[in-house]
N, C-alpha and C. Protein backbone atom coordinates (compact mmCIF):
# COMPACT_ATOMS: atom_id res chain seq x y z
N MET A 1 5.53 -36.60 -8.58
CA MET A 1 6.28 -36.29 -7.38
C MET A 1 6.14 -34.81 -7.07
N ILE A 2 6.03 -34.49 -5.80
CA ILE A 2 5.89 -33.10 -5.40
C ILE A 2 7.24 -32.40 -5.46
N ALA A 3 7.24 -31.19 -5.95
CA ALA A 3 8.47 -30.41 -5.99
C ALA A 3 8.78 -29.90 -4.60
N THR A 4 10.03 -29.61 -4.36
CA THR A 4 10.43 -29.04 -3.08
C THR A 4 9.68 -27.72 -2.88
N SER A 5 9.30 -27.43 -1.65
CA SER A 5 8.53 -26.22 -1.40
C SER A 5 9.28 -25.01 -1.92
N PRO A 6 8.55 -24.07 -2.52
CA PRO A 6 9.20 -22.89 -3.07
C PRO A 6 9.77 -22.03 -1.95
N SER A 7 10.81 -21.31 -2.28
CA SER A 7 11.44 -20.43 -1.30
C SER A 7 10.44 -19.40 -0.81
N VAL A 8 10.34 -19.27 0.48
CA VAL A 8 9.40 -18.31 1.07
C VAL A 8 9.84 -16.89 0.72
N GLN A 9 11.13 -16.64 0.60
CA GLN A 9 11.62 -15.31 0.32
C GLN A 9 11.41 -14.89 -1.14
N ARG A 10 11.48 -15.81 -2.09
CA ARG A 10 11.45 -15.47 -3.50
C ARG A 10 10.08 -15.61 -4.15
N GLN A 11 9.09 -16.05 -3.46
CA GLN A 11 7.77 -16.28 -4.04
C GLN A 11 6.74 -15.34 -3.39
N THR A 12 5.63 -15.16 -4.08
CA THR A 12 4.53 -14.40 -3.52
C THR A 12 3.64 -15.36 -2.73
N TRP A 13 3.52 -15.09 -1.46
CA TRP A 13 2.73 -15.93 -0.57
C TRP A 13 1.62 -15.08 0.04
N ASP A 14 0.47 -15.67 0.28
CA ASP A 14 -0.56 -15.04 1.10
C ASP A 14 -0.19 -15.34 2.54
N THR A 15 -0.53 -14.44 3.44
CA THR A 15 -0.18 -14.64 4.84
C THR A 15 -1.40 -14.43 5.74
N LEU A 16 -1.34 -15.10 6.87
CA LEU A 16 -2.40 -15.04 7.86
C LEU A 16 -1.73 -15.19 9.22
N SER A 17 -2.15 -14.38 10.16
CA SER A 17 -1.60 -14.47 11.51
C SER A 17 -2.75 -14.37 12.50
N PHE A 18 -2.69 -15.18 13.56
CA PHE A 18 -3.77 -15.16 14.55
C PHE A 18 -3.21 -15.60 15.90
N VAL A 19 -3.91 -15.21 16.97
CA VAL A 19 -3.48 -15.58 18.31
C VAL A 19 -3.72 -17.07 18.52
N SER A 20 -2.99 -17.64 19.45
CA SER A 20 -3.13 -19.06 19.75
C SER A 20 -4.55 -19.37 20.22
N THR A 21 -5.21 -20.21 19.46
CA THR A 21 -6.58 -20.60 19.77
C THR A 21 -6.84 -21.97 19.16
N LEU A 22 -7.83 -22.65 19.69
CA LEU A 22 -8.26 -23.91 19.10
C LEU A 22 -9.52 -23.72 18.26
N TYR A 23 -10.03 -22.49 18.19
CA TYR A 23 -11.16 -22.19 17.30
C TYR A 23 -10.58 -21.91 15.91
N LEU A 24 -10.54 -22.94 15.08
CA LEU A 24 -9.81 -22.86 13.82
C LEU A 24 -10.68 -22.92 12.57
N GLN A 25 -11.99 -23.05 12.71
CA GLN A 25 -12.83 -23.22 11.53
C GLN A 25 -12.65 -22.11 10.50
N PRO A 26 -12.70 -20.81 10.87
CA PRO A 26 -12.53 -19.78 9.84
C PRO A 26 -11.13 -19.79 9.21
N VAL A 27 -10.14 -20.12 10.00
CA VAL A 27 -8.77 -20.20 9.49
C VAL A 27 -8.66 -21.34 8.48
N LEU A 28 -9.18 -22.49 8.84
CA LEU A 28 -9.14 -23.66 7.94
C LEU A 28 -9.90 -23.38 6.65
N ASP A 29 -11.06 -22.73 6.74
CA ASP A 29 -11.82 -22.41 5.54
C ASP A 29 -10.99 -21.55 4.59
N LEU A 30 -10.29 -20.59 5.11
CA LEU A 30 -9.45 -19.72 4.29
C LEU A 30 -8.27 -20.49 3.69
N LEU A 31 -7.64 -21.35 4.48
CA LEU A 31 -6.47 -22.10 4.01
C LEU A 31 -6.82 -23.17 2.98
N LEU A 32 -8.08 -23.52 2.88
CA LEU A 32 -8.52 -24.52 1.91
C LEU A 32 -9.02 -23.92 0.60
N LYS A 33 -8.96 -22.60 0.46
CA LYS A 33 -9.56 -21.94 -0.70
C LYS A 33 -8.97 -22.39 -2.03
N ASP A 34 -7.71 -22.78 -2.09
CA ASP A 34 -7.08 -23.21 -3.34
C ASP A 34 -6.99 -24.72 -3.47
N VAL A 35 -7.64 -25.43 -2.56
CA VAL A 35 -7.61 -26.90 -2.57
C VAL A 35 -8.88 -27.40 -3.24
N PRO A 36 -8.76 -28.30 -4.24
CA PRO A 36 -9.97 -28.85 -4.85
C PRO A 36 -10.88 -29.52 -3.82
N THR A 37 -12.18 -29.38 -4.00
CA THR A 37 -13.18 -29.87 -3.05
C THR A 37 -12.98 -31.34 -2.68
N LEU A 38 -12.58 -32.15 -3.64
CA LEU A 38 -12.35 -33.57 -3.39
C LEU A 38 -11.37 -33.80 -2.23
N TRP A 39 -10.40 -32.91 -2.10
CA TRP A 39 -9.35 -33.05 -1.09
C TRP A 39 -9.66 -32.35 0.23
N HIS A 40 -10.74 -31.56 0.31
CA HIS A 40 -11.01 -30.77 1.51
C HIS A 40 -11.02 -31.58 2.81
N PRO A 41 -11.77 -32.69 2.93
CA PRO A 41 -11.79 -33.38 4.23
C PRO A 41 -10.40 -33.82 4.70
N GLU A 42 -9.62 -34.41 3.80
CA GLU A 42 -8.30 -34.91 4.18
C GLU A 42 -7.34 -33.77 4.53
N VAL A 43 -7.28 -32.75 3.69
CA VAL A 43 -6.35 -31.64 3.94
C VAL A 43 -6.79 -30.85 5.17
N ARG A 44 -8.11 -30.71 5.37
CA ARG A 44 -8.60 -30.02 6.58
C ARG A 44 -8.10 -30.74 7.83
N LEU A 45 -8.20 -32.07 7.83
CA LEU A 45 -7.73 -32.85 8.98
C LEU A 45 -6.24 -32.60 9.23
N GLY A 46 -5.43 -32.64 8.17
CA GLY A 46 -4.00 -32.42 8.32
C GLY A 46 -3.66 -31.02 8.79
N LEU A 47 -4.28 -30.01 8.18
CA LEU A 47 -4.01 -28.62 8.60
C LEU A 47 -4.49 -28.37 10.02
N GLN A 48 -5.64 -28.95 10.37
CA GLN A 48 -6.13 -28.78 11.75
C GLN A 48 -5.13 -29.37 12.73
N GLU A 49 -4.61 -30.52 12.43
CA GLU A 49 -3.62 -31.16 13.32
C GLU A 49 -2.38 -30.27 13.46
N ALA A 50 -1.89 -29.75 12.34
CA ALA A 50 -0.70 -28.89 12.38
C ALA A 50 -0.95 -27.61 13.17
N LEU A 51 -2.12 -27.00 12.99
CA LEU A 51 -2.43 -25.76 13.69
C LEU A 51 -2.69 -25.98 15.18
N VAL A 52 -3.36 -27.08 15.51
CA VAL A 52 -3.57 -27.41 16.93
C VAL A 52 -2.22 -27.64 17.60
N ASN A 53 -1.32 -28.36 16.93
CA ASN A 53 0.01 -28.58 17.50
C ASN A 53 0.74 -27.26 17.72
N ALA A 54 0.64 -26.33 16.77
CA ALA A 54 1.30 -25.03 16.91
C ALA A 54 0.72 -24.25 18.09
N ALA A 55 -0.60 -24.25 18.23
CA ALA A 55 -1.25 -23.51 19.31
C ALA A 55 -1.03 -24.16 20.66
N LYS A 56 -1.25 -25.46 20.72
CA LYS A 56 -1.23 -26.19 22.00
C LYS A 56 0.19 -26.52 22.46
N HIS A 57 0.96 -27.16 21.61
CA HIS A 57 2.30 -27.60 22.01
C HIS A 57 3.34 -26.51 21.79
N GLY A 58 3.23 -25.77 20.68
CA GLY A 58 4.20 -24.72 20.40
C GLY A 58 4.01 -23.51 21.30
N ASN A 59 2.84 -22.93 21.27
CA ASN A 59 2.58 -21.69 22.01
C ASN A 59 1.90 -21.90 23.36
N ALA A 60 1.68 -23.13 23.76
CA ALA A 60 1.06 -23.47 25.05
C ALA A 60 -0.26 -22.71 25.26
N LEU A 61 -1.01 -22.51 24.16
CA LEU A 61 -2.28 -21.79 24.18
C LEU A 61 -2.19 -20.40 24.80
N ASP A 62 -1.01 -19.80 24.73
CA ASP A 62 -0.78 -18.46 25.25
C ASP A 62 -1.36 -17.45 24.27
N PRO A 63 -2.43 -16.71 24.66
CA PRO A 63 -3.04 -15.77 23.72
C PRO A 63 -2.14 -14.59 23.37
N ALA A 64 -1.04 -14.42 24.07
CA ALA A 64 -0.08 -13.37 23.73
C ALA A 64 0.85 -13.81 22.59
N LYS A 65 0.83 -15.11 22.26
CA LYS A 65 1.67 -15.62 21.18
C LYS A 65 0.82 -15.87 19.94
N CYS A 66 1.43 -15.66 18.79
CA CYS A 66 0.71 -15.80 17.52
C CYS A 66 1.19 -17.01 16.72
N ILE A 67 0.33 -17.42 15.83
CA ILE A 67 0.66 -18.44 14.82
C ILE A 67 0.58 -17.71 13.49
N SER A 68 1.56 -17.91 12.64
CA SER A 68 1.49 -17.32 11.31
C SER A 68 1.50 -18.44 10.28
N VAL A 69 0.75 -18.21 9.22
CA VAL A 69 0.65 -19.17 8.13
C VAL A 69 0.88 -18.43 6.82
N LYS A 70 1.83 -18.92 6.04
CA LYS A 70 2.02 -18.45 4.67
C LYS A 70 1.53 -19.58 3.78
N TYR A 71 0.86 -19.24 2.70
CA TYR A 71 0.34 -20.28 1.83
C TYR A 71 0.32 -19.79 0.39
N ARG A 72 0.47 -20.76 -0.51
CA ARG A 72 0.44 -20.46 -1.94
C ARG A 72 0.09 -21.72 -2.69
N SER A 73 -0.35 -21.54 -3.92
CA SER A 73 -0.67 -22.70 -4.74
C SER A 73 -0.11 -22.49 -6.14
N SER A 74 0.10 -23.59 -6.82
CA SER A 74 0.48 -23.59 -8.22
C SER A 74 -0.57 -24.41 -8.95
N ALA A 75 -0.31 -24.72 -10.18
CA ALA A 75 -1.28 -25.49 -10.97
C ALA A 75 -1.60 -26.85 -10.34
N ALA A 76 -0.63 -27.48 -9.71
CA ALA A 76 -0.84 -28.84 -9.22
C ALA A 76 -0.61 -29.00 -7.72
N GLN A 77 -0.04 -28.02 -7.06
CA GLN A 77 0.37 -28.19 -5.67
C GLN A 77 -0.06 -27.01 -4.81
N VAL A 78 -0.18 -27.29 -3.51
CA VAL A 78 -0.46 -26.25 -2.53
C VAL A 78 0.56 -26.40 -1.41
N TRP A 79 1.06 -25.26 -0.91
CA TRP A 79 2.04 -25.29 0.18
C TRP A 79 1.54 -24.41 1.32
N TRP A 80 1.90 -24.80 2.52
CA TRP A 80 1.61 -24.02 3.72
C TRP A 80 2.89 -24.00 4.56
N VAL A 81 3.18 -22.85 5.16
CA VAL A 81 4.29 -22.70 6.10
C VAL A 81 3.67 -22.19 7.39
N ILE A 82 3.69 -23.02 8.43
CA ILE A 82 3.07 -22.72 9.72
C ILE A 82 4.17 -22.48 10.73
N ALA A 83 4.13 -21.32 11.39
CA ALA A 83 5.15 -20.97 12.38
C ALA A 83 4.49 -20.58 13.69
N ASP A 84 5.09 -21.03 14.80
CA ASP A 84 4.61 -20.63 16.11
C ASP A 84 5.73 -19.90 16.84
N GLU A 85 5.45 -19.41 18.03
CA GLU A 85 6.42 -18.66 18.82
C GLU A 85 6.90 -19.45 20.03
N GLY A 86 6.79 -20.77 19.95
CA GLY A 86 7.19 -21.63 21.06
C GLY A 86 8.70 -21.86 21.08
N SER A 87 9.11 -22.81 21.90
CA SER A 87 10.54 -23.11 22.05
C SER A 87 11.02 -24.15 21.05
N GLY A 88 10.13 -24.64 20.21
CA GLY A 88 10.50 -25.63 19.20
C GLY A 88 10.49 -27.03 19.77
N PHE A 89 10.83 -27.99 18.93
CA PHE A 89 10.93 -29.37 19.39
C PHE A 89 11.86 -30.13 18.47
N SER A 90 12.34 -31.25 18.97
CA SER A 90 13.25 -32.10 18.20
C SER A 90 12.39 -33.02 17.35
N HIS A 91 12.15 -32.59 16.13
CA HIS A 91 11.28 -33.35 15.24
C HIS A 91 11.97 -34.63 14.78
N PRO A 92 11.20 -35.57 14.31
CA PRO A 92 11.77 -36.82 13.81
C PRO A 92 12.69 -36.57 12.63
N CYS A 93 13.67 -37.40 12.50
CA CYS A 93 14.54 -37.31 11.33
C CYS A 93 13.67 -37.43 10.08
N SER A 94 14.08 -38.06 9.06
CA SER A 94 13.23 -38.21 7.89
C SER A 94 11.98 -39.00 8.28
N CYS A 95 12.05 -39.68 9.29
CA CYS A 95 11.03 -40.36 10.06
C CYS A 95 10.09 -41.27 9.31
N ASP A 96 10.66 -42.28 8.69
CA ASP A 96 9.82 -43.35 8.19
C ASP A 96 9.10 -43.97 9.37
N GLU A 97 9.76 -43.87 10.55
CA GLU A 97 9.14 -44.38 11.78
C GLU A 97 7.85 -43.64 12.09
N ALA A 98 7.85 -42.30 11.94
CA ALA A 98 6.64 -41.51 12.23
C ALA A 98 5.54 -41.87 11.25
N LYS A 99 5.92 -42.18 10.03
CA LYS A 99 4.93 -42.56 9.04
C LYS A 99 4.21 -43.83 9.46
N ASP A 100 4.88 -44.64 10.28
CA ASP A 100 4.28 -45.87 10.79
C ASP A 100 3.66 -45.69 12.17
N SER A 101 3.65 -44.45 12.67
CA SER A 101 3.11 -44.12 13.98
C SER A 101 3.80 -44.88 15.11
N ASN A 102 5.09 -45.17 14.95
CA ASN A 102 5.83 -45.90 15.97
C ASN A 102 7.30 -45.50 15.90
N CYS A 103 7.62 -44.34 16.44
CA CYS A 103 8.95 -43.77 16.28
C CYS A 103 9.81 -44.07 17.51
N ALA A 104 10.54 -45.14 17.46
CA ALA A 104 11.35 -45.56 18.61
C ALA A 104 12.49 -44.60 18.91
N SER A 105 13.02 -43.92 17.88
CA SER A 105 14.16 -43.03 18.11
C SER A 105 13.75 -41.70 18.74
N HIS A 106 12.46 -41.37 18.75
CA HIS A 106 11.97 -40.15 19.38
C HIS A 106 10.72 -40.48 20.21
N PRO A 107 10.87 -41.26 21.29
CA PRO A 107 9.68 -41.68 22.04
C PRO A 107 8.90 -40.48 22.58
N GLY A 108 7.60 -40.57 22.51
CA GLY A 108 6.74 -39.52 23.02
C GLY A 108 6.51 -38.39 22.03
N GLU A 109 7.31 -38.30 20.97
CA GLU A 109 7.15 -37.20 20.02
C GLU A 109 6.43 -37.62 18.75
N CYS A 110 6.41 -38.88 18.44
CA CYS A 110 5.79 -39.33 17.19
C CYS A 110 4.46 -39.97 17.49
N GLY A 111 3.49 -39.13 17.71
CA GLY A 111 2.18 -39.68 18.02
C GLY A 111 1.23 -39.55 16.87
N ARG A 112 -0.02 -39.50 17.20
CA ARG A 112 -1.09 -39.46 16.21
C ARG A 112 -0.95 -38.28 15.27
N GLY A 113 -0.59 -37.12 15.80
CA GLY A 113 -0.50 -35.92 14.98
C GLY A 113 0.54 -36.01 13.87
N LEU A 114 1.72 -36.49 14.21
CA LEU A 114 2.77 -36.64 13.18
C LEU A 114 2.38 -37.71 12.17
N TYR A 115 1.76 -38.76 12.65
CA TYR A 115 1.29 -39.81 11.75
C TYR A 115 0.31 -39.24 10.73
N ILE A 116 -0.63 -38.42 11.20
CA ILE A 116 -1.61 -37.80 10.31
C ILE A 116 -0.91 -36.91 9.29
N LEU A 117 0.04 -36.08 9.75
CA LEU A 117 0.74 -35.19 8.82
C LEU A 117 1.42 -35.97 7.70
N TYR A 118 2.11 -37.06 8.06
CA TYR A 118 2.81 -37.85 7.04
C TYR A 118 1.86 -38.59 6.12
N LYS A 119 0.66 -38.91 6.58
CA LYS A 119 -0.31 -39.59 5.73
C LYS A 119 -1.01 -38.61 4.78
N VAL A 120 -1.29 -37.40 5.25
CA VAL A 120 -2.05 -36.43 4.47
C VAL A 120 -1.18 -35.69 3.46
N PHE A 121 0.01 -35.25 3.89
CA PHE A 121 0.81 -34.37 3.04
C PHE A 121 1.92 -35.13 2.32
N ASP A 122 2.27 -34.63 1.15
CA ASP A 122 3.35 -35.23 0.36
C ASP A 122 4.72 -34.71 0.78
N GLU A 123 4.74 -33.56 1.42
CA GLU A 123 5.98 -32.98 1.91
C GLU A 123 5.75 -32.48 3.33
N VAL A 124 6.61 -32.89 4.27
CA VAL A 124 6.54 -32.48 5.67
C VAL A 124 7.97 -32.19 6.12
N ASN A 125 8.27 -30.91 6.37
CA ASN A 125 9.63 -30.53 6.79
C ASN A 125 9.57 -29.47 7.88
N TRP A 126 10.45 -29.61 8.87
CA TRP A 126 10.55 -28.64 9.96
C TRP A 126 11.79 -27.79 9.78
N TYR A 127 11.68 -26.53 10.19
CA TYR A 127 12.79 -25.59 10.16
C TYR A 127 12.76 -24.76 11.44
N ASN A 128 13.80 -23.97 11.62
CA ASN A 128 13.85 -23.02 12.74
C ASN A 128 13.66 -23.73 14.09
N GLY A 129 14.38 -24.83 14.26
CA GLY A 129 14.33 -25.56 15.53
C GLY A 129 12.99 -26.20 15.84
N GLY A 130 12.22 -26.51 14.81
CA GLY A 130 10.92 -27.14 15.02
C GLY A 130 9.79 -26.15 15.20
N ARG A 131 10.07 -24.85 15.05
CA ARG A 131 9.02 -23.83 15.20
C ARG A 131 8.33 -23.51 13.88
N GLU A 132 8.87 -24.02 12.77
CA GLU A 132 8.29 -23.73 11.46
C GLU A 132 8.10 -25.04 10.71
N LEU A 133 6.89 -25.26 10.23
CA LEU A 133 6.53 -26.49 9.54
C LEU A 133 6.13 -26.16 8.11
N HIS A 134 6.77 -26.82 7.15
CA HIS A 134 6.43 -26.66 5.73
C HIS A 134 5.67 -27.90 5.29
N LEU A 135 4.48 -27.68 4.74
CA LEU A 135 3.63 -28.77 4.27
C LEU A 135 3.34 -28.57 2.79
N GLY A 136 3.41 -29.63 2.02
CA GLY A 136 3.09 -29.57 0.60
C GLY A 136 2.15 -30.68 0.22
N LYS A 137 1.23 -30.37 -0.68
CA LYS A 137 0.23 -31.36 -1.11
C LYS A 137 0.03 -31.26 -2.61
N LEU A 138 0.20 -32.40 -3.28
CA LEU A 138 -0.09 -32.52 -4.70
C LEU A 138 -1.59 -32.77 -4.82
N VAL A 139 -2.33 -31.83 -5.41
CA VAL A 139 -3.79 -31.94 -5.44
C VAL A 139 -4.36 -32.16 -6.84
N ARG A 140 -3.54 -32.02 -7.84
CA ARG A 140 -3.98 -32.29 -9.20
C ARG A 140 -3.06 -33.34 -9.79
N GLN A 141 -3.64 -34.37 -10.37
CA GLN A 141 -2.90 -35.53 -10.87
C GLN A 141 -2.09 -36.18 -9.74
N PRO A 142 -2.76 -36.47 -8.62
CA PRO A 142 -2.06 -37.06 -7.47
C PRO A 142 -1.69 -38.52 -7.71
N ARG A 143 -0.81 -38.99 -6.85
CA ARG A 143 -0.41 -40.40 -6.89
C ARG A 143 -1.46 -41.31 -6.28
N ARG A 144 -2.38 -40.74 -5.52
CA ARG A 144 -3.41 -41.53 -4.88
C ARG A 144 -4.66 -40.69 -4.73
N LEU A 145 -5.76 -41.35 -4.43
CA LEU A 145 -7.02 -40.67 -4.15
C LEU A 145 -7.05 -40.27 -2.68
N PRO A 146 -7.92 -39.33 -2.29
CA PRO A 146 -8.00 -38.94 -0.88
C PRO A 146 -8.33 -40.12 0.03
N LEU A 147 -7.80 -40.09 1.23
CA LEU A 147 -8.10 -41.11 2.23
C LEU A 147 -9.50 -40.90 2.82
N ILE A 148 -9.92 -39.64 2.87
CA ILE A 148 -11.21 -39.27 3.46
C ILE A 148 -12.05 -38.65 2.37
N ARG A 149 -13.31 -39.10 2.24
CA ARG A 149 -14.20 -38.49 1.24
C ARG A 149 -15.50 -38.12 1.86
């Protein structure tokens, strides 16, 4: 089982900040540096979805707004904290519904992107009114093999 994401204030995190853009290849390459190669395709898909959502839906592709990412890894897990400068959104509750890609309690908000996040990551939590997303992935001794190889 994945541990709760470590406190951002009490841990040493690497940080990255960039303007809202959909050109994410160099960012994704950097964010995957502590992820075992076996997991790269799946985690890349999930991180790309999260970053596209931050740039497109959060910051409305406004180049004056930035996206920041804090990331760290331990022996078995990797965490990412993605924050945008948008107005936030009403994220799904614990959203077993989003995991099924059919969220009746939040119509229009639980689409393909949220479905991907819940399938790829072991921990998905929103903070700061939906402007900050915490993602966690168990990459060593996982409960399952990657979905994408």
